[in-house]
C-alpha cells in the first residue's frame, strides 16, 4: 500500500469518526479503510487506534501521529498546487494596500500591467498611508516602505530600494547658500514630512555604524510628499525626498540635488503577505512583478 494514501485514509477516518463514514467519503469499503490503518500500524510498530466492540479512540501516539499526518498531507497538497499553478492562469480578486505616493507612482503601473496581462485577474488597490492589518483588513498584499516591525505570521520580501536625497530650489540656494556637509543642515530651514503625528528624521548612512539622524528646523510640516516637493520648488527650504519623486524636477532644473558626494540613504520598500502553506498564484505573480519592475523606477 502507498503510505501517503494510507495516511489520508487514516486522517479522514478520524475526522469523520468512523471507518464506514471515511469509506463512504473516499469510495472505499469499511474493511478497506481498516486495512489502510493496520498497514500504518504494522509499518510503525505502534497502535494508532484503540478498538472495542462499541467505539474506537485514538491512542496517545495515534493522536500525535494524526496531527503530523495532517501537516504532511497539507504540504503534499501545496506541492501539487505548485504544479497546477504553472499550468493555470491567475484569477479572482487581488487586494493590495500601498502608501499613497509610492503606490500611485510606482506600484499601480506594475499591477495595472499585470491585470492587463491576465484578463481573469481583478485588482482592488487601496492607496493609504495608514498601516493596514493584512488579516483584519482582508488584504492579500501590503506594500510598506522604511523599517519593518517584526510580526509573527507575516512574510516580507524587499521589492525596491529608494534613494533619499536632499534638494532645494535654485532660488533658495541663491538666497541662503547650500549645505556641503551634514552638520551644516542645521543652519538651514527645511520642509519636514510628518505622518501619523510623527516627524521622521533625515537619515544619512555611515560605514559599519547606525545612520546619522538629523531633524532640521522647520516652519512647514506636511504629510504629502508631492506637497513637500512643491514647497521646495518655490524656495521654502530644503527637502529630503526619494530620488524618483523629484527626478523630473531635477532634470528640469527647478530643484537641485545637494551634497551629491554624500552617500544616499537606502529607504527600502517591501511586499508583505500572510504566511501560508501555499502562496496563491495571483499573489506570487504580483510580488515577482513588483520585484522585477520597481528597481527600474528607482534608478
C-alpha atoms as a PDB file:
ATOM      1  CA  UNK A   1       0.000   0.000   0.000  1.00  0.00           C
ATOM      2  CA  UNK A   2       1.025   3.599  -0.584  1.00  0.00           C
ATOM      3  CA  UNK A   3       1.968   5.256   2.687  1.00  0.00           C
ATOM      4  CA  UNK A   4       0.638   8.733   1.748  1.00  0.00           C
ATOM      5  CA  UNK A   5      -2.703   7.247   0.657  1.00  0.00           C
ATOM      6  CA  UNK A   6      -2.966   5.312   3.906  1.00  0.00           C
ATOM      7  CA  UNK A   7      -2.232   8.480   5.885  1.00  0.00           C
ATOM      8  CA  UNK A   8      -5.008  10.283   4.018  1.00  0.00           C
ATOM      9  CA  UNK A   9      -7.449   7.445   4.758  1.00  0.00           C
ATOM     10  CA  UNK A  10      -6.426   7.422   8.428  1.00  0.00           C
ATOM     11  CA  UNK A  11      -6.929  11.186   8.766  1.00  0.00           C
ATOM     12  CA  UNK A  12     -10.325  11.003   7.042  1.00  0.00           C
ATOM     13  CA  UNK A  13     -11.422   8.213   9.390  1.00  0.00           C
ATOM     14  CA  UNK A  14     -10.510  10.307  12.431  1.00  0.00           C
ATOM     15  CA  UNK A  15     -12.095  13.459  11.004  1.00  0.00           C
ATOM     16  CA  UNK A  16     -15.391  11.693  10.230  1.00  0.00           C
ATOM     17  CA  UNK A  17     -15.432   9.489  13.330  1.00  0.00           C
ATOM     18  CA  UNK A  18     -15.673   6.019  11.776  1.00  0.00           C
ATOM     19  CA  UNK A  19     -14.267   3.702   9.141  1.00  0.00           C
ATOM     20  CA  UNK A  20     -17.674   3.472   7.464  1.00  0.00           C
ATOM     21  CA  UNK A  21     -18.006   7.252   7.089  1.00  0.00           C
ATOM     22  CA  UNK A  22     -14.457   7.521   5.752  1.00  0.00           C
ATOM     23  CA  UNK A  23     -15.128   4.718   3.299  1.00  0.00           C
ATOM     24  CA  UNK A  24     -18.273   6.431   2.018  1.00  0.00           C
ATOM     25  CA  UNK A  25     -16.395   9.707   1.574  1.00  0.00           C
ATOM     26  CA  UNK A  26     -13.455   8.045  -0.210  1.00  0.00           C
ATOM     27  CA  UNK A  27     -15.464   5.451  -2.148  1.00  0.00           C
ATOM     28  CA  UNK A  28     -13.871   2.607  -0.189  1.00  0.00           C
ATOM     29  CA  UNK A  29     -15.345  -0.193   1.827  1.00  0.00           C
ATOM     30  CA  UNK A  30     -15.150  -0.043   5.619  1.00  0.00           C
ATOM     31  CA  UNK A  31     -12.847  -3.097   5.733  1.00  0.00           C
ATOM     32  CA  UNK A  32     -10.511  -1.435   3.200  1.00  0.00           C
ATOM     33  CA  UNK A  33     -10.273   1.616   5.430  1.00  0.00           C
ATOM     34  CA  UNK A  34      -9.323  -0.723   8.259  1.00  0.00           C
ATOM     35  CA  UNK A  35      -6.607  -2.299   6.092  1.00  0.00           C
ATOM     36  CA  UNK A  36      -5.043   1.097   5.474  1.00  0.00           C
ATOM     37  CA  UNK A  37      -4.956   1.832   9.201  1.00  0.00           C
ATOM     38  CA  UNK A  38      -3.479  -1.583  10.009  1.00  0.00           C
ATOM     39  CA  UNK A  39      -0.853  -1.085   7.304  1.00  0.00           C
ATOM     40  CA  UNK A  40       0.296   2.074   9.079  1.00  0.00           C
ATOM     41  CA  UNK A  41       0.260   0.393  12.494  1.00  0.00           C
ATOM     42  CA  UNK A  42       2.327  -2.547  11.220  1.00  0.00           C
ATOM     43  CA  UNK A  43       4.759  -0.237   9.484  1.00  0.00           C
ATOM     44  CA  UNK A  44       5.170   1.930  12.595  1.00  0.00           C
ATOM     45  CA  UNK A  45       5.074  -0.913  15.092  1.00  0.00           C
ATOM     46  CA  UNK A  46       2.658   1.174  17.173  1.00  0.00           C
ATOM     47  CA  UNK A  47      -1.096   1.080  17.711  1.00  0.00           C
ATOM     48  CA  UNK A  48      -2.907   4.152  16.409  1.00  0.00           C
ATOM     49  CA  UNK A  49      -6.471   3.359  17.433  1.00  0.00           C
ATOM     50  CA  UNK A  50      -7.919   1.547  20.459  1.00  0.00           C
ATOM     51  CA  UNK A  51     -10.736  -0.660  19.186  1.00  0.00           C
ATOM     52  CA  UNK A  52     -13.610  -2.073  21.227  1.00  0.00           C
ATOM     53  CA  UNK A  53     -16.945  -3.557  20.170  1.00  0.00           C
ATOM     54  CA  UNK A  54     -18.669  -0.216  20.824  1.00  0.00           C
ATOM     55  CA  UNK A  55     -16.177   2.519  19.972  1.00  0.00           C
ATOM     56  CA  UNK A  56     -12.794   3.467  18.623  1.00  0.00           C
ATOM     57  CA  UNK A  57     -10.459   6.073  20.082  1.00  0.00           C
ATOM     58  CA  UNK A  58      -7.012   7.362  19.290  1.00  0.00           C
ATOM     59  CA  UNK A  59      -4.078   6.226  21.371  1.00  0.00           C
ATOM     60  CA  UNK A  60      -1.752   8.933  22.677  1.00  0.00           C
ATOM     61  CA  UNK A  61       0.682   8.077  19.917  1.00  0.00           C
ATOM     62  CA  UNK A  62      -2.181   7.938  17.397  1.00  0.00           C
ATOM     63  CA  UNK A  63      -3.240  11.473  18.337  1.00  0.00           C
ATOM     64  CA  UNK A  64       0.294  12.822  17.804  1.00  0.00           C
ATOM     65  CA  UNK A  65       0.639  10.846  14.560  1.00  0.00           C
ATOM     66  CA  UNK A  66      -2.715  12.192  13.323  1.00  0.00           C
ATOM     67  CA  UNK A  67      -1.535  15.808  13.768  1.00  0.00           C
ATOM     68  CA  UNK A  68       1.683  15.071  11.899  1.00  0.00           C
ATOM     69  CA  UNK A  69      -0.217  13.357   9.100  1.00  0.00           C
ATOM     70  CA  UNK A  70      -2.396  16.431   8.655  1.00  0.00           C
ATOM     71  CA  UNK A  71       0.711  18.591   8.216  1.00  0.00           C
ATOM     72  CA  UNK A  72       2.296  16.140   5.767  1.00  0.00           C
ATOM     73  CA  UNK A  73      -0.884  15.956   3.676  1.00  0.00           C
ATOM     74  CA  UNK A  74      -1.233  19.754   3.654  1.00  0.00           C
ATOM     75  CA  UNK A  75       2.354  20.095   2.402  1.00  0.00           C
ATOM     76  CA  UNK A  76       1.732  17.440  -0.251  1.00  0.00           C
ATOM     77  CA  UNK A  77      -1.360  19.318  -1.450  1.00  0.00           C
ATOM     78  CA  UNK A  78       0.641  22.558  -1.539  1.00  0.00           C
ATOM     79  CA  UNK A  79       3.366  20.857  -3.598  1.00  0.00           C
ATOM     80  CA  UNK A  80       0.780  19.588  -6.073  1.00  0.00           C
ATOM     81  CA  UNK A  81      -0.742  23.069  -6.239  1.00  0.00           C
ATOM     82  CA  UNK A  82       2.620  24.494  -7.328  1.00  0.00           C
ATOM     83  CA  UNK A  83       2.496  22.326 -10.421  1.00  0.00           C
ATOM     84  CA  UNK A  84      -1.130  23.281 -11.032  1.00  0.00           C
ATOM     85  CA  UNK A  85      -0.163  26.949 -10.813  1.00  0.00           C
ATOM     86  CA  UNK A  86       2.322  26.538 -13.632  1.00  0.00           C
ATOM     87  CA  UNK A  87      -0.468  25.327 -15.883  1.00  0.00           C
ATOM     88  CA  UNK A  88      -3.116  27.801 -14.781  1.00  0.00           C
ATOM     89  CA  UNK A  89      -3.888  31.484 -15.077  1.00  0.00           C
ATOM     90  CA  UNK A  90      -4.308  33.822 -12.072  1.00  0.00           C
ATOM     91  CA  UNK A  91      -7.891  34.795 -11.460  1.00  0.00           C
ATOM     92  CA  UNK A  92     -10.124  36.365  -8.852  1.00  0.00           C
ATOM     93  CA  UNK A  93      -9.618  39.456  -6.761  1.00  0.00           C
ATOM     94  CA  UNK A  94      -6.161  40.657  -5.732  1.00  0.00           C
ATOM     95  CA  UNK A  95      -6.448  43.035  -2.765  1.00  0.00           C
ATOM     96  CA  UNK A  96      -3.433  45.317  -2.268  1.00  0.00           C
ATOM     97  CA  UNK A  97      -2.701  48.277   0.009  1.00  0.00           C
ATOM     98  CA  UNK A  98       0.203  50.664  -0.596  1.00  0.00           C
ATOM     99  CA  UNK A  99       1.425  54.116   0.525  1.00  0.00           C
ATOM    100  CA  UNK A 100      -0.195  56.935  -1.441  1.00  0.00           C
ATOM    101  CA  UNK A 101       2.710  58.347  -3.455  1.00  0.00           C
ATOM    102  CA  UNK A 102       4.804  55.227  -3.831  1.00  0.00           C
ATOM    103  CA  UNK A 103       1.633  53.338  -4.671  1.00  0.00           C
ATOM    104  CA  UNK A 104       0.373  55.803  -7.269  1.00  0.00           C
ATOM    105  CA  UNK A 105       3.701  56.454  -8.986  1.00  0.00           C
ATOM    106  CA  UNK A 106       5.390  53.053  -8.752  1.00  0.00           C
ATOM    107  CA  UNK A 107       3.147  50.199  -7.570  1.00  0.00           C
ATOM    108  CA  UNK A 108      -0.010  50.992  -9.550  1.00  0.00           C
ATOM    109  CA  UNK A 109       1.627  50.920 -13.023  1.00  0.00           C
ATOM    110  CA  UNK A 110       3.111  47.475 -12.321  1.00  0.00           C
ATOM    111  CA  UNK A 111      -0.136  45.987 -11.030  1.00  0.00           C
ATOM    112  CA  UNK A 112      -2.204  47.543 -13.815  1.00  0.00           C
ATOM    113  CA  UNK A 113       0.131  45.942 -16.347  1.00  0.00           C
ATOM    114  CA  UNK A 114      -0.340  42.608 -14.566  1.00  0.00           C
ATOM    115  CA  UNK A 115      -4.123  42.915 -14.774  1.00  0.00           C
ATOM    116  CA  UNK A 116      -3.849  43.748 -18.472  1.00  0.00           C
ATOM    117  CA  UNK A 117      -1.791  40.617 -18.985  1.00  0.00           C
ATOM    118  CA  UNK A 118      -4.264  38.347 -17.175  1.00  0.00           C
ATOM    119  CA  UNK A 119      -7.924  39.118 -18.066  1.00  0.00           C
ATOM    120  CA  UNK A 120      -9.341  36.906 -15.298  1.00  0.00           C
ATOM    121  CA  UNK A 121      -7.490  38.841 -12.589  1.00  0.00           C
ATOM    122  CA  UNK A 122      -9.252  41.638 -10.685  1.00  0.00           C
ATOM    123  CA  UNK A 123      -7.463  44.369  -8.704  1.00  0.00           C
ATOM    124  CA  UNK A 124      -8.586  46.194  -5.568  1.00  0.00           C
ATOM    125  CA  UNK A 125      -5.826  48.722  -4.831  1.00  0.00           C
ATOM    126  CA  UNK A 126      -6.060  50.961  -1.759  1.00  0.00           C
ATOM    127  CA  UNK A 127      -3.618  53.881  -1.628  1.00  0.00           C
ATOM    128  CA  UNK A 128      -3.371  54.864   2.001  1.00  0.00           C
ATOM    129  CA  UNK A 129      -0.518  55.795   4.345  1.00  0.00           C
ATOM    130  CA  UNK A 130      -2.316  54.060   7.219  1.00  0.00           C
ATOM    131  CA  UNK A 131      -0.667  50.825   8.372  1.00  0.00           C
ATOM    132  CA  UNK A 132      -3.401  48.353   7.464  1.00  0.00           C
ATOM    133  CA  UNK A 133      -3.635  44.934   9.099  1.00  0.00           C
ATOM    134  CA  UNK A 134      -3.384  42.173   6.497  1.00  0.00           C
ATOM    135  CA  UNK A 135      -5.710  39.823   8.329  1.00  0.00           C
ATOM    136  CA  UNK A 136      -8.256  42.208   9.837  1.00  0.00           C
ATOM    137  CA  UNK A 137      -8.497  44.380   6.709  1.00  0.00           C
ATOM    138  CA  UNK A 138      -8.599  41.368   4.379  1.00  0.00           C
ATOM    139  CA  UNK A 139      -5.681  42.300   2.092  1.00  0.00           C
ATOM    140  CA  UNK A 140      -3.709  39.758   0.071  1.00  0.00           C
ATOM    141  CA  UNK A 141      -0.662  42.004  -0.141  1.00  0.00           C
ATOM    142  CA  UNK A 142       0.661  45.122   1.588  1.00  0.00           C
ATOM    143  CA  UNK A 143       3.445  47.374   0.345  1.00  0.00           C
ATOM    144  CA  UNK A 144       5.457  49.083   3.076  1.00  0.00           C
ATOM    145  CA  UNK A 145       8.387  51.495   2.970  1.00  0.00           C
ATOM    146  CA  UNK A 146      11.016  52.056   5.638  1.00  0.00           C
ATOM    147  CA  UNK A 147      11.819  49.962   8.666  1.00  0.00           C
ATOM    148  CA  UNK A 148       9.546  46.995   9.376  1.00  0.00           C
ATOM    149  CA  UNK A 149       8.366  45.758  12.745  1.00  0.00           C
ATOM    150  CA  UNK A 150       8.745  42.005  13.096  1.00  0.00           C
ATOM    151  CA  UNK A 151       5.368  40.301  13.329  1.00  0.00           C
ATOM    152  CA  UNK A 152       4.607  36.595  13.595  1.00  0.00           C
ATOM    153  CA  UNK A 153       2.864  35.055  10.624  1.00  0.00           C
ATOM    154  CA  UNK A 154       3.936  37.789   8.176  1.00  0.00           C
ATOM    155  CA  UNK A 155       6.324  37.178   5.281  1.00  0.00           C
ATOM    156  CA  UNK A 156       8.246  40.156   3.855  1.00  0.00           C
ATOM    157  CA  UNK A 157      10.232  40.475   0.639  1.00  0.00           C
ATOM    158  CA  UNK A 158      12.163  43.573  -0.375  1.00  0.00           C
ATOM    159  CA  UNK A 159      10.970  44.715  -3.793  1.00  0.00           C
ATOM    160  CA  UNK A 160      12.745  48.059  -4.168  1.00  0.00           C
ATOM    161  CA  UNK A 161      15.350  50.346  -2.606  1.00  0.00           C
ATOM    162  CA  UNK A 162      14.649  54.089  -2.783  1.00  0.00           C
ATOM    163  CA  UNK A 163      17.500  56.626  -2.781  1.00  0.00           C
ATOM    164  CA  UNK A 164      16.777  59.513  -0.430  1.00  0.00           C
ATOM    165  CA  UNK A 165      18.352  62.836  -1.435  1.00  0.00           C
ATOM    166  CA  UNK A 166      18.467  66.382  -0.074  1.00  0.00           C
ATOM    167  CA  UNK A 167      17.342  69.012  -2.574  1.00  0.00           C
ATOM    168  CA  UNK A 168      16.397  72.675  -2.805  1.00  0.00           C
ATOM    169  CA  UNK A 169      15.401  75.203  -5.452  1.00  0.00           C
ATOM    170  CA  UNK A 170      17.922  77.455  -7.213  1.00  0.00           C
ATOM    171  CA  UNK A 171      16.170  80.473  -5.641  1.00  0.00           C
ATOM    172  CA  UNK A 172      16.668  79.088  -2.121  1.00  0.00           C
ATOM    173  CA  UNK A 173      20.332  78.343  -2.807  1.00  0.00           C
ATOM    174  CA  UNK A 174      20.852  81.847  -4.188  1.00  0.00           C
ATOM    175  CA  UNK A 175      19.413  83.425  -1.034  1.00  0.00           C
ATOM    176  CA  UNK A 176      20.734  81.084   1.658  1.00  0.00           C
ATOM    177  CA  UNK A 177      23.532  79.046   0.131  1.00  0.00           C
ATOM    178  CA  UNK A 178      23.712  75.243   0.144  1.00  0.00           C
ATOM    179  CA  UNK A 179      24.930  72.851   2.855  1.00  0.00           C
ATOM    180  CA  UNK A 180      28.067  70.960   1.870  1.00  0.00           C
ATOM    181  CA  UNK A 181      28.161  68.666   4.898  1.00  0.00           C
ATOM    182  CA  UNK A 182      25.528  67.005   7.073  1.00  0.00           C
ATOM    183  CA  UNK A 183      26.381  69.197  10.064  1.00  0.00           C
ATOM    184  CA  UNK A 184      25.550  72.300   8.033  1.00  0.00           C
ATOM    185  CA  UNK A 185      21.921  71.242   7.511  1.00  0.00           C
ATOM    186  CA  UNK A 186      21.119  72.648  10.945  1.00  0.00           C
ATOM    187  CA  UNK A 187      21.873  76.131   9.613  1.00  0.00           C
ATOM    188  CA  UNK A 188      19.012  75.875   7.108  1.00  0.00           C
ATOM    189  CA  UNK A 189      15.229  75.734   7.212  1.00  0.00           C
ATOM    190  CA  UNK A 190      13.512  72.650   5.806  1.00  0.00           C
ATOM    191  CA  UNK A 191      10.168  71.173   4.853  1.00  0.00           C
ATOM    192  CA  UNK A 192       9.534  68.150   7.069  1.00  0.00           C
ATOM    193  CA  UNK A 193       7.477  65.031   6.389  1.00  0.00           C
ATOM    194  CA  UNK A 194       5.065  64.286   9.218  1.00  0.00           C
ATOM    195  CA  UNK A 195       2.871  61.172   9.174  1.00  0.00           C
ATOM    196  CA  UNK A 196       0.514  59.883  11.859  1.00  0.00           C
ATOM    197  CA  UNK A 197       1.657  62.670  14.172  1.00  0.00           C
ATOM    198  CA  UNK A 198       5.289  61.596  13.973  1.00  0.00           C
ATOM    199  CA  UNK A 199       8.117  63.659  12.484  1.00  0.00           C
ATOM    200  CA  UNK A 200      10.535  61.477  10.554  1.00  0.00           C
ATOM    201  CA  UNK A 201      14.245  62.386  10.892  1.00  0.00           C
ATOM    202  CA  UNK A 202      16.502  62.584   7.866  1.00  0.00           C
ATOM    203  CA  UNK A 203      18.924  59.664   7.749  1.00  0.00           C
ATOM    204  CA  UNK A 204      22.458  59.529   6.359  1.00  0.00           C
ATOM    205  CA  UNK A 205      24.402  56.248   6.227  1.00  0.00           C
ATOM    206  CA  UNK A 206      27.783  55.696   7.874  1.00  0.00           C
ATOM    207  CA  UNK A 207      30.161  52.771   7.388  1.00  0.00           C
ATOM    208  CA  UNK A 208      29.509  49.996   9.934  1.00  0.00           C
ATOM    209  CA  UNK A 209      27.565  52.374  12.197  1.00  0.00           C
ATOM    210  CA  UNK A 210      23.933  53.394  12.663  1.00  0.00           C
ATOM    211  CA  UNK A 211      22.895  56.216  10.301  1.00  0.00           C
ATOM    212  CA  UNK A 212      23.182  59.843  11.342  1.00  0.00           C
ATOM    213  CA  UNK A 213      19.755  61.251  12.241  1.00  0.00           C
ATOM    214  CA  UNK A 214      19.015  64.908  11.517  1.00  0.00           C
ATOM    215  CA  UNK A 215      15.767  66.750  12.258  1.00  0.00           C
ATOM    216  CA  UNK A 216      16.148  70.221  10.742  1.00  0.00           C
ATOM    217  CA  UNK A 217      14.312  73.292  11.992  1.00  0.00           C
ATOM    218  CA  UNK A 218      11.126  73.846  10.044  1.00  0.00           C
ATOM    219  CA  UNK A 219       8.054  76.035   9.760  1.00  0.00           C
ATOM    220  CA  UNK A 220       6.420  73.553   7.381  1.00  0.00           C
ATOM    221  CA  UNK A 221       5.421  70.037   8.391  1.00  0.00           C
ATOM    222  CA  UNK A 222       3.435  68.204   5.716  1.00  0.00           C
ATOM    223  CA  UNK A 223       2.134  64.669   5.286  1.00  0.00           C
ATOM    224  CA  UNK A 224       2.175  64.763   1.471  1.00  0.00           C
ATOM    225  CA  UNK A 225       5.430  64.168  -0.421  1.00  0.00           C
ATOM    226  CA  UNK A 226       4.283  65.977  -3.559  1.00  0.00           C
ATOM    227  CA  UNK A 227       3.373  68.995  -1.442  1.00  0.00           C
ATOM    228  CA  UNK A 228       6.849  68.916   0.108  1.00  0.00           C
ATOM    229  CA  UNK A 229       8.384  68.859  -3.374  1.00  0.00           C
ATOM    230  CA  UNK A 230       6.133  71.762  -4.397  1.00  0.00           C
ATOM    231  CA  UNK A 231       7.176  73.790  -1.357  1.00  0.00           C
ATOM    232  CA  UNK A 232      10.859  73.094  -2.011  1.00  0.00           C
ATOM    233  CA  UNK A 233      10.445  74.095  -5.659  1.00  0.00           C
ATOM    234  CA  UNK A 234       9.147  77.561  -4.727  1.00  0.00           C
ATOM    235  CA  UNK A 235      12.091  78.109  -2.380  1.00  0.00           C
ATOM    236  CA  UNK A 236      10.585  77.346   1.046  1.00  0.00           C
ATOM    237  CA  UNK A 237      13.539  75.280   2.240  1.00  0.00           C
ATOM    238  CA  UNK A 238      15.481  72.045   1.949  1.00  0.00           C
ATOM    239  CA  UNK A 239      13.658  68.757   1.359  1.00  0.00           C
ATOM    240  CA  UNK A 240      14.667  65.119   1.887  1.00  0.00           C
ATOM    241  CA  UNK A 241      12.807  63.095  -0.711  1.00  0.00           C
ATOM    242  CA  UNK A 242      13.022  59.909  -2.795  1.00  0.00           C
ATOM    243  CA  UNK A 243      15.038  60.490  -5.945  1.00  0.00           C
ATOM    244  CA  UNK A 244      12.285  59.001  -8.154  1.00  0.00           C
ATOM    245  CA  UNK A 245       9.801  61.586  -6.868  1.00  0.00           C
ATOM    246  CA  UNK A 246      11.922  64.607  -7.804  1.00  0.00           C
ATOM    247  CA  UNK A 247      13.801  63.187 -10.808  1.00  0.00           C
ATOM    248  CA  UNK A 248      11.892  65.248 -13.381  1.00  0.00           C
ATOM    249  CA  UNK A 249      12.205  68.449 -11.338  1.00  0.00           C
ATOM    250  CA  UNK A 250      15.968  67.962 -11.043  1.00  0.00           C
ATOM    251  CA  UNK A 251      16.253  67.291 -14.758  1.00  0.00           C
ATOM    252  CA  UNK A 252      14.222  70.440 -15.434  1.00  0.00           C
ATOM    253  CA  UNK A 253      16.403  72.488 -13.069  1.00  0.00           C
ATOM    254  CA  UNK A 254      13.573  73.514 -10.708  1.00  0.00           C
ATOM    255  CA  UNK A 255      15.263  71.527  -7.918  1.00  0.00           C
ATOM    256  CA  UNK A 256      18.950  70.862  -7.299  1.00  0.00           C
ATOM    257  CA  UNK A 257      20.376  67.812  -5.540  1.00  0.00           C
ATOM    258  CA  UNK A 258      22.578  68.922  -2.635  1.00  0.00           C
ATOM    259  CA  UNK A 259      25.620  67.174  -1.175  1.00  0.00           C
ATOM    260  CA  UNK A 260      25.870  64.723  -4.111  1.00  0.00           C
ATOM    261  CA  UNK A 261      29.065  63.259  -2.662  1.00  0.00           C
ATOM    262  CA  UNK A 262      27.193  62.207   0.483  1.00  0.00           C
ATOM    263  CA  UNK A 263      26.046  58.534   0.361  1.00  0.00           C
ATOM    264  CA  UNK A 264      22.290  58.339  -0.126  1.00  0.00           C
ATOM    265  CA  UNK A 265      20.178  56.584   2.467  1.00  0.00           C
ATOM    266  CA  UNK A 266      18.545  53.418   1.025  1.00  0.00           C
ATOM    267  CA  UNK A 267      14.869  53.553   2.013  1.00  0.00           C
ATOM    268  CA  UNK A 268      13.573  50.049   1.369  1.00  0.00           C
ATOM    269  CA  UNK A 269      10.150  49.012   0.095  1.00  0.00           C
ATOM    270  CA  UNK A 270       8.697  45.607   0.977  1.00  0.00           C
ATOM    271  CA  UNK A 271       5.853  43.377  -0.101  1.00  0.00           C
ATOM    272  CA  UNK A 272       4.168  41.668   2.866  1.00  0.00           C
ATOM    273  CA  UNK A 273       1.703  38.797   2.963  1.00  0.00           C
ATOM    274  CA  UNK A 274       0.311  36.321   5.460  1.00  0.00           C
ATOM    275  CA  UNK A 275       2.315  33.142   5.919  1.00  0.00           C
ATOM    276  CA  UNK A 276       0.514  30.230   4.284  1.00  0.00           C
ATOM    277  CA  UNK A 277       1.435  26.667   3.201  1.00  0.00           C
ATOM    278  CA  UNK A 278       0.650  27.629  -0.389  1.00  0.00           C
ATOM    279  CA  UNK A 279       1.008  31.165  -1.700  1.00  0.00           C
ATOM    280  CA  UNK A 280      -1.817  31.883  -4.180  1.00  0.00           C
ATOM    281  CA  UNK A 281      -0.658  32.266  -7.760  1.00  0.00           C
ATOM    282  CA  UNK A 282      -2.083  35.799  -8.044  1.00  0.00           C
ATOM    283  CA  UNK A 283      -0.044  36.960  -5.026  1.00  0.00           C
ATOM    284  CA  UNK A 284       3.159  35.255  -6.150  1.00  0.00           C
ATOM    285  CA  UNK A 285       2.920  36.789  -9.621  1.00  0.00           C
ATOM    286  CA  UNK A 286       2.237  40.237  -8.173  1.00  0.00           C
ATOM    287  CA  UNK A 287       5.257  40.066  -5.845  1.00  0.00           C
ATOM    288  CA  UNK A 288       7.511  38.802  -8.644  1.00  0.00           C
ATOM    289  CA  UNK A 289       6.287  41.558 -10.985  1.00  0.00           C
ATOM    290  CA  UNK A 290       6.944  44.250  -8.371  1.00  0.00           C
ATOM    291  CA  UNK A 291      10.409  42.900  -7.562  1.00  0.00           C
ATOM    292  CA  UNK A 292      11.299  42.838 -11.272  1.00  0.00           C
ATOM    293  CA  UNK A 293       9.881  46.240 -12.252  1.00  0.00           C
ATOM    294  CA  UNK A 294      10.258  48.574  -9.254  1.00  0.00           C
ATOM    295  CA  UNK A 295      14.085  48.823  -9.276  1.00  0.00           C
ATOM    296  CA  UNK A 296      13.777  50.447 -12.731  1.00  0.00           C
ATOM    297  CA  UNK A 297      11.552  53.152 -11.205  1.00  0.00           C
ATOM    298  CA  UNK A 298      14.182  53.791  -8.537  1.00  0.00           C
ATOM    299  CA  UNK A 299      17.091  54.388 -10.934  1.00  0.00           C
END
